[in-house]
């Protein structure tokens, strides 16, 4: 079994001013721009294992936090994929303009889809990891975990426990530290409210934009992703709608970029190269 590459060293936290607050982000490397956005209840360091390979490949990689997550401000009135998509486009513009490649996980994948449909000239390519781009019926365990996760005072602990179970294959050695970063985020004023609002958002507006995406797309799905009743079928459905490629990662859950970065990073680099040639 290959060892995972060393995680990226955290960079200086920067802030993008938006009408209702600030979005936190950090930048690594130089070259064509790649912007990565995590999913609900996560923080930007979920991409820590793939950043070194992308930087070594000659890319400038920006990692951003969702609204009310990580180091981003709370207090936003909207927390759905469309709102996150507007933040993605604003960050691309702030960092010099597109076209940029967008990497989104879970709800962040839906945000990337919306951004690509809304501003195709700013988006060179898409990588969608464990994508929620429609309202998928959740399994019993996920429904129960979500219901518990929205309740105080045990909600944050319930989410942390459920989050660990999303790593069904080869959890990274530093998963405990990553979960502590998530717990610290949820303890910040207003962040729990933001998490609840994000969890209750619908993906219907994202699904309505799927047919408007023209950017080259790669869908990455863990074959054991517990967030989907049939992960392989969901990946094929999303890939088909977006006329994209599909990578199924064996023995991986909802975060294959952290479980199997040596599989995910080369696939992402391949998509980035194809997107550059197309541009």
Protein backbone atom coordinates (compact mmCIF):
# COMPACT_ATOMS: atom_id res chain seq x y z
CA UNK A 1 0.00 0.00 0.00
CA UNK A 2 1.36 3.40 -0.95
CA UNK A 3 1.69 6.02 1.74
CA UNK A 4 -0.22 9.27 1.41
CA UNK A 5 1.92 12.30 0.54
CA UNK A 6 2.65 14.72 3.34
CA UNK A 7 -0.14 17.24 3.88
CA UNK A 8 0.36 20.78 2.75
CA UNK A 9 1.68 23.32 5.23
CA UNK A 10 -1.05 25.85 6.12
CA UNK A 11 -0.57 29.22 4.47
CA UNK A 12 -1.53 32.67 5.67
CA UNK A 13 -5.29 33.08 6.06
CA UNK A 14 -6.66 35.81 3.84
CA UNK A 15 -10.15 37.23 3.58
CA UNK A 16 -12.41 38.10 0.68
CA UNK A 17 -14.92 40.83 1.50
CA UNK A 18 -18.49 39.97 0.49
CA UNK A 19 -21.64 42.06 1.03
CA UNK A 20 -22.56 40.33 4.33
CA UNK A 21 -19.20 39.17 5.64
CA UNK A 22 -15.82 37.72 4.76
CA UNK A 23 -14.81 34.43 3.13
CA UNK A 24 -11.55 32.96 4.42
CA UNK A 25 -9.04 31.49 1.97
CA UNK A 26 -5.38 30.66 1.54
CA UNK A 27 -3.17 30.39 -1.55
CA UNK A 28 -0.36 28.00 -2.43
CA UNK A 29 1.99 28.02 -5.42
CA UNK A 30 2.02 29.89 -8.71
CA UNK A 31 0.52 29.30 -12.13
CA UNK A 32 -3.00 28.81 -13.51
CA UNK A 33 -5.61 29.20 -10.80
CA UNK A 34 -7.40 26.30 -9.11
CA UNK A 35 -9.98 27.11 -6.40
CA UNK A 36 -11.05 24.36 -3.98
CA UNK A 37 -14.18 24.49 -1.82
CA UNK A 38 -15.15 21.90 0.83
CA UNK A 39 -18.60 20.69 1.73
CA UNK A 40 -21.02 21.25 4.58
CA UNK A 41 -19.58 20.83 8.05
CA UNK A 42 -16.00 20.72 6.80
CA UNK A 43 -13.08 23.14 6.52
CA UNK A 44 -10.69 23.94 3.72
CA UNK A 45 -7.86 21.76 5.05
CA UNK A 46 -9.75 18.70 3.75
CA UNK A 47 -7.66 19.31 0.60
CA UNK A 48 -4.36 19.26 2.50
CA UNK A 49 -3.12 16.03 0.90
CA UNK A 50 -3.68 16.96 -2.76
CA UNK A 51 -2.35 20.53 -2.70
CA UNK A 52 1.36 19.53 -2.83
CA UNK A 53 0.82 17.58 -6.07
CA UNK A 54 -1.16 20.41 -7.67
CA UNK A 55 1.47 22.99 -6.70
CA UNK A 56 4.24 20.70 -8.00
CA UNK A 57 2.24 20.46 -11.24
CA UNK A 58 2.55 24.20 -11.71
CA UNK A 59 -0.76 25.47 -10.37
CA UNK A 60 -1.75 28.23 -7.96
CA UNK A 61 -4.17 26.63 -5.53
CA UNK A 62 -6.64 28.61 -3.42
CA UNK A 63 -8.51 26.84 -0.61
CA UNK A 64 -11.64 28.59 0.66
CA UNK A 65 -14.04 28.00 3.55
CA UNK A 66 -17.80 28.00 3.15
CA UNK A 67 -19.89 30.75 4.72
CA UNK A 68 -20.00 30.30 8.49
CA UNK A 69 -17.40 27.51 8.33
CA UNK A 70 -13.73 27.47 9.24
CA UNK A 71 -12.34 31.00 9.36
CA UNK A 72 -15.13 32.56 7.29
CA UNK A 73 -17.58 34.91 8.97
CA UNK A 74 -21.02 33.89 10.18
CA UNK A 75 -24.01 36.15 9.76
CA UNK A 76 -24.76 35.51 6.09
CA UNK A 77 -28.43 35.22 5.23
CA UNK A 78 -27.92 32.48 2.62
CA UNK A 79 -25.86 29.30 2.94
CA UNK A 80 -26.91 27.19 -0.05
CA UNK A 81 -24.92 26.07 -3.08
CA UNK A 82 -25.96 29.09 -5.13
CA UNK A 83 -24.64 31.50 -2.48
CA UNK A 84 -21.40 29.52 -2.29
CA UNK A 85 -21.19 29.63 -6.07
CA UNK A 86 -21.31 33.42 -6.02
CA UNK A 87 -18.45 33.38 -3.51
CA UNK A 88 -16.42 31.13 -5.82
CA UNK A 89 -16.83 33.50 -8.75
CA UNK A 90 -16.00 36.49 -6.55
CA UNK A 91 -12.82 34.78 -5.36
CA UNK A 92 -11.78 33.91 -8.91
CA UNK A 93 -12.24 37.55 -9.88
CA UNK A 94 -10.39 38.73 -6.76
CA UNK A 95 -7.41 36.50 -7.56
CA UNK A 96 -6.99 37.85 -11.07
CA UNK A 97 -9.95 36.55 -13.00
CA UNK A 98 -10.56 33.35 -14.90
CA UNK A 99 -10.70 31.04 -16.46
CA UNK A 100 -9.95 29.02 -13.32
CA UNK A 101 -10.53 25.39 -12.49
CA UNK A 102 -12.94 24.71 -9.62
CA UNK A 103 -12.66 21.73 -7.28
CA UNK A 104 -15.71 21.19 -5.09
CA UNK A 105 -16.57 18.54 -2.55
CA UNK A 106 -20.11 17.59 -1.53
CA UNK A 107 -22.11 20.87 -1.34
CA UNK A 108 -19.02 22.66 -2.68
CA UNK A 109 -19.38 20.59 -5.85
CA UNK A 110 -22.87 22.01 -6.33
CA UNK A 111 -21.46 25.51 -5.88
CA UNK A 112 -18.87 24.80 -8.57
CA UNK A 113 -21.56 23.57 -10.96
CA UNK A 114 -23.62 26.70 -10.44
CA UNK A 115 -20.57 28.92 -11.00
CA UNK A 116 -19.69 27.10 -14.23
CA UNK A 117 -23.22 27.50 -15.57
CA UNK A 118 -23.50 31.12 -14.45
CA UNK A 119 -20.14 32.32 -15.78
CA UNK A 120 -18.69 29.82 -18.27
CA UNK A 121 -15.97 32.24 -19.30
CA UNK A 122 -14.55 32.21 -15.78
CA UNK A 123 -14.46 28.42 -15.35
CA UNK A 124 -11.95 26.30 -17.26
CA UNK A 125 -12.83 22.95 -15.71
CA UNK A 126 -14.62 21.21 -12.85
CA UNK A 127 -13.63 18.48 -10.42
CA UNK A 128 -16.61 17.31 -8.36
CA UNK A 129 -15.87 15.06 -5.38
CA UNK A 130 -18.77 13.23 -3.72
CA UNK A 131 -21.04 15.76 -5.43
CA UNK A 132 -24.39 16.88 -4.10
CA UNK A 133 -25.87 18.52 -7.19
CA UNK A 134 -29.45 17.37 -6.56
CA UNK A 135 -31.61 16.44 -3.60
CA UNK A 136 -30.62 12.80 -3.12
CA UNK A 137 -32.73 10.64 -0.77
CA UNK A 138 -30.52 9.92 2.24
CA UNK A 139 -30.14 6.54 3.89
CA UNK A 140 -31.50 5.90 7.38
CA UNK A 141 -28.15 6.42 9.12
CA UNK A 142 -27.58 9.73 7.35
CA UNK A 143 -31.09 10.96 8.13
CA UNK A 144 -30.72 10.11 11.81
CA UNK A 145 -27.26 11.67 12.01
CA UNK A 146 -28.48 14.83 10.33
CA UNK A 147 -31.48 15.08 12.66
CA UNK A 148 -29.25 14.68 15.70
CA UNK A 149 -26.66 17.00 14.21
CA UNK A 150 -29.14 19.86 14.09
CA UNK A 151 -29.97 19.64 17.79
CA UNK A 152 -28.20 21.34 20.67
CA UNK A 153 -26.41 20.62 22.95
CA UNK A 154 -25.24 17.30 21.53
CA UNK A 155 -25.35 18.36 17.88
CA UNK A 156 -21.66 19.27 17.39
CA UNK A 157 -20.53 16.02 19.00
CA UNK A 158 -23.00 14.03 16.89
CA UNK A 159 -21.73 15.70 13.72
CA UNK A 160 -18.10 15.02 14.65
CA UNK A 161 -18.85 11.34 15.23
CA UNK A 162 -20.79 11.06 11.98
CA UNK A 163 -18.05 12.91 10.08
CA UNK A 164 -15.50 10.28 11.15
CA UNK A 165 -17.75 7.53 9.77
CA UNK A 166 -17.68 9.16 6.34
CA UNK A 167 -14.06 7.95 6.03
CA UNK A 168 -14.96 4.34 5.30
CA UNK A 169 -11.76 3.23 3.60
CA UNK A 170 -8.35 4.49 4.73
CA UNK A 171 -8.77 7.40 7.16
CA UNK A 172 -5.74 9.71 7.22
CA UNK A 173 -3.45 9.50 10.24
CA UNK A 174 -4.26 13.08 11.21
CA UNK A 175 -8.04 12.71 11.07
CA UNK A 176 -8.36 13.49 14.78
CA UNK A 177 -6.59 16.82 14.28
CA UNK A 178 -8.76 17.63 11.27
CA UNK A 179 -11.92 16.87 13.26
CA UNK A 180 -10.68 19.17 16.02
CA UNK A 181 -10.40 21.98 13.46
CA UNK A 182 -14.03 21.34 12.55
CA UNK A 183 -15.12 21.34 16.20
CA UNK A 184 -13.24 24.60 16.78
CA UNK A 185 -15.06 26.09 13.80
CA UNK A 186 -18.45 25.06 15.16
CA UNK A 187 -17.64 26.68 18.51
CA UNK A 188 -17.17 30.11 16.93
CA UNK A 189 -20.05 32.57 17.44
CA UNK A 190 -22.76 32.06 14.84
CA UNK A 191 -21.11 29.10 13.15
CA UNK A 192 -23.47 26.49 14.52
CA UNK A 193 -26.38 28.48 13.15
CA UNK A 194 -24.61 28.61 9.78
CA UNK A 195 -24.07 24.85 9.82
CA UNK A 196 -27.76 24.24 10.49
CA UNK A 197 -28.78 26.61 7.70
CA UNK A 198 -26.38 24.90 5.30
CA UNK A 199 -27.67 21.45 6.25
CA UNK A 200 -31.25 22.52 5.58
CA UNK A 201 -30.55 23.99 2.14
CA UNK A 202 -31.88 22.40 -1.05
CA UNK A 203 -29.83 21.47 -4.11
CA UNK A 204 -32.74 21.88 -6.53
CA UNK A 205 -31.40 25.18 -7.89
CA UNK A 206 -28.11 23.43 -8.69
CA UNK A 207 -29.77 20.56 -10.52
CA UNK A 208 -31.63 23.08 -12.66
CA UNK A 209 -28.28 24.40 -13.97
CA UNK A 210 -26.62 21.06 -14.82
CA UNK A 211 -27.44 21.21 -18.51
CA UNK A 212 -25.91 24.69 -18.74
CA UNK A 213 -22.38 23.51 -17.89
CA UNK A 214 -19.92 23.28 -20.79
CA UNK A 215 -16.61 23.05 -18.91
CA UNK A 216 -14.69 19.75 -18.92
CA UNK A 217 -15.72 17.84 -15.83
CA UNK A 218 -14.38 15.01 -13.70
CA UNK A 219 -16.66 13.37 -11.14
CA UNK A 220 -14.81 11.56 -8.33
CA UNK A 221 -16.75 9.27 -6.02
CA UNK A 222 -15.69 6.89 -3.28
CA UNK A 223 -17.21 3.50 -3.96
CA UNK A 224 -18.14 3.23 -0.26
CA UNK A 225 -19.48 6.76 0.16
CA UNK A 226 -22.19 6.37 2.84
CA UNK A 227 -23.88 9.64 1.86
CA UNK A 228 -25.40 8.00 -1.24
CA UNK A 229 -27.62 4.91 -1.50
CA UNK A 230 -25.66 3.85 -4.63
CA UNK A 231 -22.46 5.91 -5.00
CA UNK A 232 -21.46 4.44 -8.37
CA UNK A 233 -24.90 5.06 -9.85
CA UNK A 234 -24.93 8.64 -8.54
CA UNK A 235 -21.48 9.30 -10.02
CA UNK A 236 -22.56 7.95 -13.41
CA UNK A 237 -25.76 10.01 -13.30
CA UNK A 238 -23.88 13.24 -12.54
CA UNK A 239 -21.14 12.45 -15.04
CA UNK A 240 -23.72 11.73 -17.72
CA UNK A 241 -25.65 14.95 -17.11
CA UNK A 242 -22.41 16.96 -17.34
CA UNK A 243 -20.91 14.93 -20.21
CA UNK A 244 -17.91 14.38 -17.98
CA UNK A 245 -15.58 11.62 -16.87
CA UNK A 246 -16.09 9.49 -13.77
CA UNK A 247 -13.49 8.13 -11.36
CA UNK A 248 -14.70 5.60 -8.79
CA UNK A 249 -12.19 5.21 -5.97
CA UNK A 250 -12.30 1.74 -4.38
CA UNK A 251 -12.23 1.53 -0.58
CA UNK A 252 -13.00 5.25 -0.21
CA UNK A 253 -15.84 7.08 1.48
CA UNK A 254 -16.99 10.67 1.11
CA UNK A 255 -13.49 12.19 1.16
CA UNK A 256 -11.30 10.24 -1.31
CA UNK A 257 -9.02 13.28 -1.63
CA UNK A 258 -7.92 12.65 1.96
CA UNK A 259 -8.11 8.85 1.97
CA UNK A 260 -6.47 8.12 -1.38
CA UNK A 261 -4.74 11.35 -2.53
CA UNK A 262 -2.25 9.34 -4.60
CA UNK A 263 -5.23 8.22 -6.72
CA UNK A 264 -7.16 11.49 -6.71
CA UNK A 265 -4.34 13.99 -7.32
CA UNK A 266 -3.16 12.49 -10.66
CA UNK A 267 -6.74 12.36 -11.89
CA UNK A 268 -7.26 16.02 -10.96
CA UNK A 269 -4.02 16.98 -12.71
CA UNK A 270 -5.19 15.14 -15.82
CA UNK A 271 -8.45 17.09 -15.87
CA UNK A 272 -6.57 20.37 -15.35
CA UNK A 273 -4.29 19.62 -18.29
CA UNK A 274 -7.24 18.77 -20.54
CA UNK A 275 -9.02 21.94 -19.46
CA UNK A 276 -5.94 24.02 -20.30
CA UNK A 277 -5.66 22.47 -23.76
CA UNK A 278 -9.34 23.14 -24.39
CA UNK A 279 -8.96 26.76 -23.27
